[in-house]
Amino acid sequence: MLVKGFIIALLLLIVASLGSGLFHLLRDNGKSDRTVRALTVRVGLSVALFLLLMLGFATGVISPHPAVPPQ
Protein backbone atom coordinates (compact mmCIF):
# COMPACT_ATOMS: atom_id res chain seq x y z
CA MET A 1 0.00 0.00 0.00
CA LEU A 2 2.91 2.34 0.71
CA VAL A 3 4.27 1.80 -2.80
CA LYS A 4 0.92 2.69 -4.38
CA GLY A 5 0.73 5.85 -2.29
CA PHE A 6 4.24 6.85 -3.35
CA ILE A 7 3.39 6.29 -7.04
CA ILE A 8 0.20 8.34 -6.74
CA ALA A 9 2.09 11.12 -4.95
CA LEU A 10 4.67 11.25 -7.74
CA LEU A 11 1.91 11.36 -10.36
CA LEU A 12 0.24 14.24 -8.53
CA LEU A 13 3.57 16.10 -8.35
CA ILE A 14 4.03 15.58 -12.10
CA VAL A 15 0.57 17.02 -12.82
CA ALA A 16 1.19 19.93 -10.43
CA SER A 17 4.49 20.71 -12.16
CA LEU A 18 2.76 20.61 -15.54
CA GLY A 19 0.09 23.00 -14.26
CA SER A 20 2.77 25.27 -12.84
CA GLY A 21 4.52 25.35 -16.20
CA LEU A 22 1.26 26.27 -17.93
CA PHE A 23 0.54 28.98 -15.37
CA HIS A 24 3.99 30.54 -15.78
CA LEU A 25 3.77 30.28 -19.56
CA LEU A 26 0.50 32.20 -19.61
CA ARG A 27 1.44 34.66 -16.86
CA ASP A 28 4.99 35.60 -17.94
CA ASN A 29 4.43 35.52 -21.71
CA GLY A 30 7.74 33.72 -22.15
CA LYS A 31 9.84 36.44 -20.52
CA SER A 32 11.23 34.33 -17.66
CA ASP A 33 12.70 30.88 -17.26
CA ARG A 34 10.15 29.68 -14.70
CA THR A 35 8.28 27.71 -17.38
CA VAL A 36 11.44 25.89 -18.39
CA ARG A 37 12.26 25.10 -14.75
CA ALA A 38 8.76 23.75 -14.08
CA LEU A 39 8.87 21.53 -17.16
CA THR A 40 12.39 20.36 -16.30
CA VAL A 41 11.13 19.32 -12.88
CA ARG A 42 8.24 17.48 -14.57
CA VAL A 43 10.56 15.58 -16.88
CA GLY A 44 12.85 14.72 -13.97
CA LEU A 45 9.94 13.42 -11.91
CA SER A 46 8.64 11.40 -14.86
CA VAL A 47 12.02 9.78 -15.44
CA ALA A 48 12.39 9.06 -11.72
CA LEU A 49 8.93 7.46 -11.61
CA PHE A 50 9.71 5.33 -14.66
CA LEU A 51 13.01 4.14 -13.19
CA LEU A 52 11.42 3.40 -9.82
CA LEU A 53 8.65 1.42 -11.49
CA MET A 54 11.20 -0.60 -13.46
CA LEU A 55 13.19 -1.21 -10.28
CA GLY A 56 10.03 -2.28 -8.48
CA PHE A 57 9.18 -4.75 -11.24
CA ALA A 58 12.74 -6.12 -11.30
CA THR A 59 12.90 -6.65 -7.53
CA GLY A 60 9.38 -8.05 -7.22
CA VAL A 61 8.02 -5.25 -5.04
CA ILE A 62 5.47 -4.47 -7.77
CA SER A 63 3.88 -7.27 -9.74
CA PRO A 64 1.78 -6.57 -12.82
CA HIS A 65 -1.59 -8.22 -13.13
CA PRO A 66 -2.79 -9.81 -16.39
CA ALA A 67 -4.84 -7.69 -18.75
CA VAL A 68 -7.40 -10.47 -19.10
CA PRO A 69 -8.43 -12.25 -15.89
CA PRO A 70 -7.88 -16.01 -15.87
CA GLN A 71 -10.92 -18.15 -16.59
PDB file of N, CA and C in Angstrom:
ATOM      1  N   MET A   1       0.820  -1.193   0.000  1.00  0.00           N
ATOM      2  CA  MET A   1       0.000   0.000   0.000  1.00  0.00           C
ATOM      3  C   MET A   1       0.864   1.258   0.000  1.00  0.00           C
ATOM      4  N   LEU A   2       2.001   1.198   0.658  1.00  0.00           N
ATOM      5  CA  LEU A   2       2.907   2.338   0.714  1.00  0.00           C
ATOM      6  C   LEU A   2       3.459   2.651  -0.676  1.00  0.00           C
ATOM      7  N   VAL A   3       3.726   1.614  -1.450  1.00  0.00           N
ATOM      8  CA  VAL A   3       4.271   1.802  -2.799  1.00  0.00           C
ATOM      9  C   VAL A   3       3.233   2.493  -3.682  1.00  0.00           C
ATOM     10  N   LYS A   4       1.975   2.071  -3.579  1.00  0.00           N
ATOM     11  CA  LYS A   4       0.920   2.695  -4.380  1.00  0.00           C
ATOM     12  C   LYS A   4       0.760   4.169  -4.009  1.00  0.00           C
ATOM     13  N   GLY A   5       0.832   4.467  -2.734  1.00  0.00           N
ATOM     14  CA  GLY A   5       0.732   5.855  -2.291  1.00  0.00           C
ATOM     15  C   GLY A   5       1.871   6.708  -2.818  1.00  0.00           C
ATOM     16  N   PHE A   6       3.079   6.126  -2.836  1.00  0.00           N
ATOM     17  CA  PHE A   6       4.241   6.847  -3.347  1.00  0.00           C
ATOM     18  C   PHE A   6       4.093   7.109  -4.851  1.00  0.00           C
ATOM     19  N   ILE A   7       3.591   6.132  -5.595  1.00  0.00           N
ATOM     20  CA  ILE A   7       3.387   6.290  -7.036  1.00  0.00           C
ATOM     21  C   ILE A   7       2.341   7.363  -7.305  1.00  0.00           C
ATOM     22  N   ILE A   8       1.252   7.340  -6.566  1.00  0.00           N
ATOM     23  CA  ILE A   8       0.197   8.344  -6.740  1.00  0.00           C
ATOM     24  C   ILE A   8       0.715   9.730  -6.386  1.00  0.00           C
ATOM     25  N   ALA A   9       1.518   9.825  -5.329  1.00  0.00           N
ATOM     26  CA  ALA A   9       2.088  11.121  -4.951  1.00  0.00           C
ATOM     27  C   ALA A   9       2.993  11.666  -6.055  1.00  0.00           C
ATOM     28  N   LEU A  10       3.813  10.794  -6.642  1.00  0.00           N
ATOM     29  CA  LEU A  10       4.668  11.249  -7.742  1.00  0.00           C
ATOM     30  C   LEU A  10       3.841  11.690  -8.943  1.00  0.00           C
ATOM     31  N   LEU A  11       2.781  10.961  -9.254  1.00  0.00           N
ATOM     32  CA  LEU A  11       1.910  11.362 -10.360  1.00  0.00           C
ATOM     33  C   LEU A  11       1.258  12.717 -10.094  1.00  0.00           C
ATOM     34  N   LEU A  12       0.832  12.944  -8.863  1.00  0.00           N
ATOM     35  CA  LEU A  12       0.240  14.245  -8.526  1.00  0.00           C
ATOM     36  C   LEU A  12       1.270  15.369  -8.621  1.00  0.00           C
ATOM     37  N   LEU A  13       2.508  15.089  -8.211  1.00  0.00           N
ATOM     38  CA  LEU A  13       3.569  16.096  -8.348  1.00  0.00           C
ATOM     39  C   LEU A  13       3.859  16.399  -9.820  1.00  0.00           C
ATOM     40  N   ILE A  14       3.808  15.386 -10.667  1.00  0.00           N
ATOM     41  CA  ILE A  14       4.029  15.580 -12.098  1.00  0.00           C
ATOM     42  C   ILE A  14       2.937  16.474 -12.678  1.00  0.00           C
ATOM     43  N   VAL A  15       1.685  16.204 -12.324  1.00  0.00           N
ATOM     44  CA  VAL A  15       0.571  17.018 -12.822  1.00  0.00           C
ATOM     45  C   VAL A  15       0.669  18.450 -12.278  1.00  0.00           C
ATOM     46  N   ALA A  16       1.048  18.587 -11.011  1.00  0.00           N
ATOM     47  CA  ALA A  16       1.194  19.926 -10.427  1.00  0.00           C
ATOM     48  C   ALA A  16       2.301  20.707 -11.133  1.00  0.00           C
ATOM     49  N   SER A  17       3.393  20.040 -11.457  1.00  0.00           N
ATOM     50  CA  SER A  17       4.487  20.711 -12.160  1.00  0.00           C
ATOM     51  C   SER A  17       4.060  21.118 -13.572  1.00  0.00           C
ATOM     52  N   LEU A  18       3.279  20.272 -14.213  1.00  0.00           N
ATOM     53  CA  LEU A  18       2.764  20.609 -15.539  1.00  0.00           C
ATOM     54  C   LEU A  18       1.842  21.820 -15.466  1.00  0.00           C
ATOM     55  N   GLY A  19       0.977  21.848 -14.456  1.00  0.00           N
ATOM     56  CA  GLY A  19       0.093  23.000 -14.264  1.00  0.00           C
ATOM     57  C   GLY A  19       0.875  24.265 -13.947  1.00  0.00           C
ATOM     58  N   SER A  20       1.935  24.119 -13.159  1.00  0.00           N
ATOM     59  CA  SER A  20       2.775  25.270 -12.841  1.00  0.00           C
ATOM     60  C   SER A  20       3.452  25.819 -14.099  1.00  0.00           C
ATOM     61  N   GLY A  21       3.910  24.911 -14.942  1.00  0.00           N
ATOM     62  CA  GLY A  21       4.520  25.346 -16.200  1.00  0.00           C
ATOM     63  C   GLY A  21       3.531  26.093 -17.074  1.00  0.00           C
ATOM     64  N   LEU A  22       2.295  25.588 -17.149  1.00  0.00           N
ATOM     65  CA  LEU A  22       1.260  26.267 -17.934  1.00  0.00           C
ATOM     66  C   LEU A  22       0.945  27.634 -17.348  1.00  0.00           C
ATOM     67  N   PHE A  23       0.830  27.706 -16.029  1.00  0.00           N
ATOM     68  CA  PHE A  23       0.537  28.983 -15.369  1.00  0.00           C
ATOM     69  C   PHE A  23       1.619  30.009 -15.671  1.00  0.00           C
ATOM     70  N   HIS A  24       2.890  29.603 -15.536  1.00  0.00           N
ATOM     71  CA  HIS A  24       3.985  30.537 -15.780  1.00  0.00           C
ATOM     72  C   HIS A  24       4.093  30.900 -17.251  1.00  0.00           C
ATOM     73  N   LEU A  25       3.750  29.976 -18.135  1.00  0.00           N
ATOM     74  CA  LEU A  25       3.770  30.280 -19.562  1.00  0.00           C
ATOM     75  C   LEU A  25       2.743  31.356 -19.896  1.00  0.00           C
ATOM     76  N   LEU A  26       1.548  31.219 -19.326  1.00  0.00           N
ATOM     77  CA  LEU A  26       0.496  32.196 -19.611  1.00  0.00           C
ATOM     78  C   LEU A  26       0.724  33.514 -18.884  1.00  0.00           C
ATOM     79  N   ARG A  27       1.264  33.466 -17.669  1.00  0.00           N
ATOM     80  CA  ARG A  27       1.443  34.663 -16.862  1.00  0.00           C
ATOM     81  C   ARG A  27       2.634  35.509 -17.321  1.00  0.00           C
ATOM     82  N   ASP A  28       3.762  34.859 -17.629  1.00  0.00           N
ATOM     83  CA  ASP A  28       4.989  35.599 -17.942  1.00  0.00           C
ATOM     84  C   ASP A  28       5.147  35.915 -19.423  1.00  0.00           C
ATOM     85  N   ASN A  29       4.333  35.329 -20.260  1.00  0.00           N
ATOM     86  CA  ASN A  29       4.428  35.522 -21.715  1.00  0.00           C
ATOM     87  C   ASN A  29       5.811  35.171 -22.255  1.00  0.00           C
ATOM     88  N   GLY A  30       6.449  34.182 -21.658  1.00  0.00           N
ATOM     89  CA  GLY A  30       7.744  33.717 -22.153  1.00  0.00           C
ATOM     90  C   GLY A  30       8.921  34.604 -21.797  1.00  0.00           C
ATOM     91  N   LYS A  31       8.762  35.515 -20.857  1.00  0.00           N
ATOM     92  CA  LYS A  31       9.845  36.439 -20.524  1.00  0.00           C
ATOM     93  C   LYS A  31      10.740  35.956 -19.384  1.00  0.00           C
ATOM     94  N   SER A  32      10.382  34.855 -18.729  1.00  0.00           N
ATOM     95  CA  SER A  32      11.229  34.334 -17.662  1.00  0.00           C
ATOM     96  C   SER A  32      11.472  32.844 -17.900  1.00  0.00           C
ATOM     97  N   ASP A  33      12.361  32.289 -17.088  1.00  0.00           N
ATOM     98  CA  ASP A  33      12.699  30.884 -17.264  1.00  0.00           C
ATOM     99  C   ASP A  33      11.945  29.978 -16.292  1.00  0.00           C
ATOM    100  N   ARG A  34      10.907  30.499 -15.649  1.00  0.00           N
ATOM    101  CA  ARG A  34      10.149  29.677 -14.696  1.00  0.00           C
ATOM    102  C   ARG A  34       9.404  28.547 -15.397  1.00  0.00           C
ATOM    103  N   THR A  35       8.959  28.767 -16.629  1.00  0.00           N
ATOM    104  CA  THR A  35       8.282  27.712 -17.377  1.00  0.00           C
ATOM    105  C   THR A  35       9.241  26.566 -17.664  1.00  0.00           C
ATOM    106  N   VAL A  36      10.441  26.907 -18.085  1.00  0.00           N
ATOM    107  CA  VAL A  36      11.439  25.887 -18.387  1.00  0.00           C
ATOM    108  C   VAL A  36      11.808  25.104 -17.136  1.00  0.00           C
ATOM    109  N   ARG A  37      11.948  25.794 -16.020  1.00  0.00           N
ATOM    110  CA  ARG A  37      12.263  25.102 -14.755  1.00  0.00           C
ATOM    111  C   ARG A  37      11.154  24.153 -14.345  1.00  0.00           C
ATOM    112  N   ALA A  38       9.895  24.595 -14.459  1.00  0.00           N
ATOM    113  CA  ALA A  38       8.765  23.748 -14.079  1.00  0.00           C
ATOM    114  C   ALA A  38       8.696  22.506 -14.974  1.00  0.00           C
ATOM    115  N   LEU A  39       8.918  22.674 -16.257  1.00  0.00           N
ATOM    116  CA  LEU A  39       8.868  21.532 -17.162  1.00  0.00           C
ATOM    117  C   LEU A  39      10.078  20.627 -16.983  1.00  0.00           C
ATOM    118  N   THR A  40      11.216  21.183 -16.601  1.00  0.00           N
ATOM    119  CA  THR A  40      12.392  20.358 -16.297  1.00  0.00           C
ATOM    120  C   THR A  40      12.138  19.496 -15.066  1.00  0.00           C
ATOM    121  N   VAL A  41      11.487  20.084 -14.070  1.00  0.00           N
ATOM    122  CA  VAL A  41      11.126  19.318 -12.882  1.00  0.00           C
ATOM    123  C   VAL A  41      10.166  18.195 -13.260  1.00  0.00           C
ATOM    124  N   ARG A  42       9.205  18.493 -14.133  1.00  0.00           N
ATOM    125  CA  ARG A  42       8.240  17.477 -14.565  1.00  0.00           C
ATOM    126  C   ARG A  42       8.924  16.322 -15.268  1.00  0.00           C
ATOM    127  N   VAL A  43       9.838  16.634 -16.168  1.00  0.00           N
ATOM    128  CA  VAL A  43      10.558  15.580 -16.880  1.00  0.00           C
ATOM    129  C   VAL A  43      11.400  14.761 -15.907  1.00  0.00           C
ATOM    130  N   GLY A  44      12.051  15.432 -14.970  1.00  0.00           N
ATOM    131  CA  GLY A  44      12.846  14.716 -13.974  1.00  0.00           C
ATOM    132  C   GLY A  44      11.997  13.786 -13.119  1.00  0.00           C
ATOM    133  N   LEU A  45      10.833  14.267 -12.693  1.00  0.00           N
ATOM    134  CA  LEU A  45       9.939  13.420 -11.906  1.00  0.00           C
ATOM    135  C   LEU A  45       9.416  12.245 -12.719  1.00  0.00           C
ATOM    136  N   SER A  46       9.125  12.482 -13.998  1.00  0.00           N
ATOM    137  CA  SER A  46       8.638  11.403 -14.857  1.00  0.00           C
ATOM    138  C   SER A  46       9.701  10.331 -15.056  1.00  0.00           C
ATOM    139  N   VAL A  47      10.927  10.744 -15.274  1.00  0.00           N
ATOM    140  CA  VAL A  47      12.022   9.776 -15.442  1.00  0.00           C
ATOM    141  C   VAL A  47      12.252   9.018 -14.139  1.00  0.00           C
ATOM    142  N   ALA A  48      12.209   9.722 -13.014  1.00  0.00           N
ATOM    143  CA  ALA A  48      12.393   9.064 -11.717  1.00  0.00           C
ATOM    144  C   ALA A  48      11.283   8.047 -11.462  1.00  0.00           C
ATOM    145  N   LEU A  49      10.044   8.399 -11.784  1.00  0.00           N
ATOM    146  CA  LEU A  49       8.934   7.463 -11.610  1.00  0.00           C
ATOM    147  C   LEU A  49       9.103   6.238 -12.495  1.00  0.00           C
ATOM    148  N   PHE A  50       9.494   6.449 -13.733  1.00  0.00           N
ATOM    149  CA  PHE A  50       9.708   5.333 -14.658  1.00  0.00           C
ATOM    150  C   PHE A  50      10.801   4.403 -14.136  1.00  0.00           C
ATOM    151  N   LEU A  51      11.913   4.975 -13.696  1.00  0.00           N
ATOM    152  CA  LEU A  51      13.009   4.144 -13.191  1.00  0.00           C
ATOM    153  C   LEU A  51      12.610   3.404 -11.914  1.00  0.00           C
ATOM    154  N   LEU A  52      11.875   4.068 -11.038  1.00  0.00           N
ATOM    155  CA  LEU A  52      11.424   3.405  -9.817  1.00  0.00           C
ATOM    156  C   LEU A  52      10.428   2.289 -10.118  1.00  0.00           C
ATOM    157  N   LEU A  53       9.565   2.486 -11.101  1.00  0.00           N
ATOM    158  CA  LEU A  53       8.649   1.417 -11.494  1.00  0.00           C
ATOM    159  C   LEU A  53       9.413   0.226 -12.066  1.00  0.00           C
ATOM    160  N   MET A  54      10.401   0.488 -12.899  1.00  0.00           N
ATOM    161  CA  MET A  54      11.197  -0.605 -13.464  1.00  0.00           C
ATOM    162  C   MET A  54      11.975  -1.338 -12.369  1.00  0.00           C
ATOM    163  N   LEU A  55      12.494  -0.591 -11.409  1.00  0.00           N
ATOM    164  CA  LEU A  55      13.193  -1.207 -10.282  1.00  0.00           C
ATOM    165  C   LEU A  55      12.233  -2.040  -9.435  1.00  0.00           C
ATOM    166  N   GLY A  56      11.041  -1.535  -9.233  1.00  0.00           N
ATOM    167  CA  GLY A  56      10.034  -2.279  -8.479  1.00  0.00           C
ATOM    168  C   GLY A  56       9.635  -3.567  -9.171  1.00  0.00           C
ATOM    169  N   PHE A  57       9.489  -3.534 -10.493  1.00  0.00           N
ATOM    170  CA  PHE A  57       9.178  -4.751 -11.243  1.00  0.00           C
ATOM    171  C   PHE A  57      10.331  -5.734 -11.171  1.00  0.00           C
ATOM    172  N   ALA A  58      11.556  -5.238 -11.289  1.00  0.00           N
ATOM    173  CA  ALA A  58      12.736  -6.116 -11.298  1.00  0.00           C
ATOM    174  C   ALA A  58      12.954  -6.787  -9.947  1.00  0.00           C
ATOM    175  N   THR A  59      12.665  -6.083  -8.860  1.00  0.00           N
ATOM    176  CA  THR A  59      12.898  -6.649  -7.531  1.00  0.00           C
ATOM    177  C   THR A  59      11.696  -7.417  -6.994  1.00  0.00           C
ATOM    178  N   GLY A  60      10.562  -7.324  -7.658  1.00  0.00           N
ATOM    179  CA  GLY A  60       9.379  -8.046  -7.220  1.00  0.00           C
ATOM    180  C   GLY A  60       8.509  -7.295  -6.236  1.00  0.00           C
ATOM    181  N   VAL A  61       8.843  -6.052  -5.947  1.00  0.00           N
ATOM    182  CA  VAL A  61       8.020  -5.245  -5.041  1.00  0.00           C
ATOM    183  C   VAL A  61       6.670  -4.951  -5.690  1.00  0.00           C
ATOM    184  N   ILE A  62       6.685  -4.729  -6.999  1.00  0.00           N
ATOM    185  CA  ILE A  62       5.473  -4.474  -7.771  1.00  0.00           C
ATOM    186  C   ILE A  62       5.310  -5.635  -8.743  1.00  0.00           C
ATOM    187  N   SER A  63       4.118  -6.194  -8.782  1.00  0.00           N
ATOM    188  CA  SER A  63       3.880  -7.272  -9.743  1.00  0.00           C
ATOM    189  C   SER A  63       2.694  -6.887 -10.622  1.00  0.00           C
ATOM    190  N   PRO A  64       2.874  -6.925 -11.924  1.00  0.00           N
ATOM    191  CA  PRO A  64       1.777  -6.565 -12.820  1.00  0.00           C
ATOM    192  C   PRO A  64       0.702  -7.649 -12.811  1.00  0.00           C
ATOM    193  N   HIS A  65      -0.512  -7.248 -13.031  1.00  0.00           N
ATOM    194  CA  HIS A  65      -1.594  -8.221 -13.134  1.00  0.00           C
ATOM    195  C   HIS A  65      -1.915  -8.429 -14.605  1.00  0.00           C
ATOM    196  N   PRO A  66      -2.495  -9.567 -14.974  1.00  0.00           N
ATOM    197  CA  PRO A  66      -2.794  -9.809 -16.386  1.00  0.00           C
ATOM    198  C   PRO A  66      -3.893  -8.887 -16.882  1.00  0.00           C
ATOM    199  N   ALA A  67      -3.831  -8.559 -18.168  1.00  0.00           N
ATOM    200  CA  ALA A  67      -4.843  -7.686 -18.753  1.00  0.00           C
ATOM    201  C   ALA A  67      -6.196  -8.391 -18.812  1.00  0.00           C
ATOM    202  N   VAL A  68      -6.179  -9.686 -19.045  1.00  0.00           N
ATOM    203  CA  VAL A  68      -7.404 -10.466 -19.101  1.00  0.00           C
ATOM    204  C   VAL A  68      -7.404 -11.410 -17.896  1.00  0.00           C
ATOM    205  N   PRO A  69      -8.433 -11.367 -17.062  1.00  0.00           N
ATOM    206  CA  PRO A  69      -8.427 -12.249 -15.892  1.00  0.00           C
ATOM    207  C   PRO A  69      -8.481 -13.718 -16.304  1.00  0.00           C
ATOM    208  N   PRO A  70      -7.854 -14.583 -15.532  1.00  0.00           N
ATOM    209  CA  PRO A  70      -7.881 -16.008 -15.873  1.00  0.00           C
ATOM    210  C   PRO A  70      -9.294 -16.572 -15.752  1.00  0.00           C
ATOM    211  N   GLN A  71      -9.574 -17.554 -16.554  1.00  0.00           N
ATOM    212  CA  GLN A  71     -10.918 -18.147 -16.587  1.00  0.00           C
ATOM    213  C   GLN A  71     -11.012 -19.314 -15.652  1.00  0.00           C
TER     214      GLN A  71
END
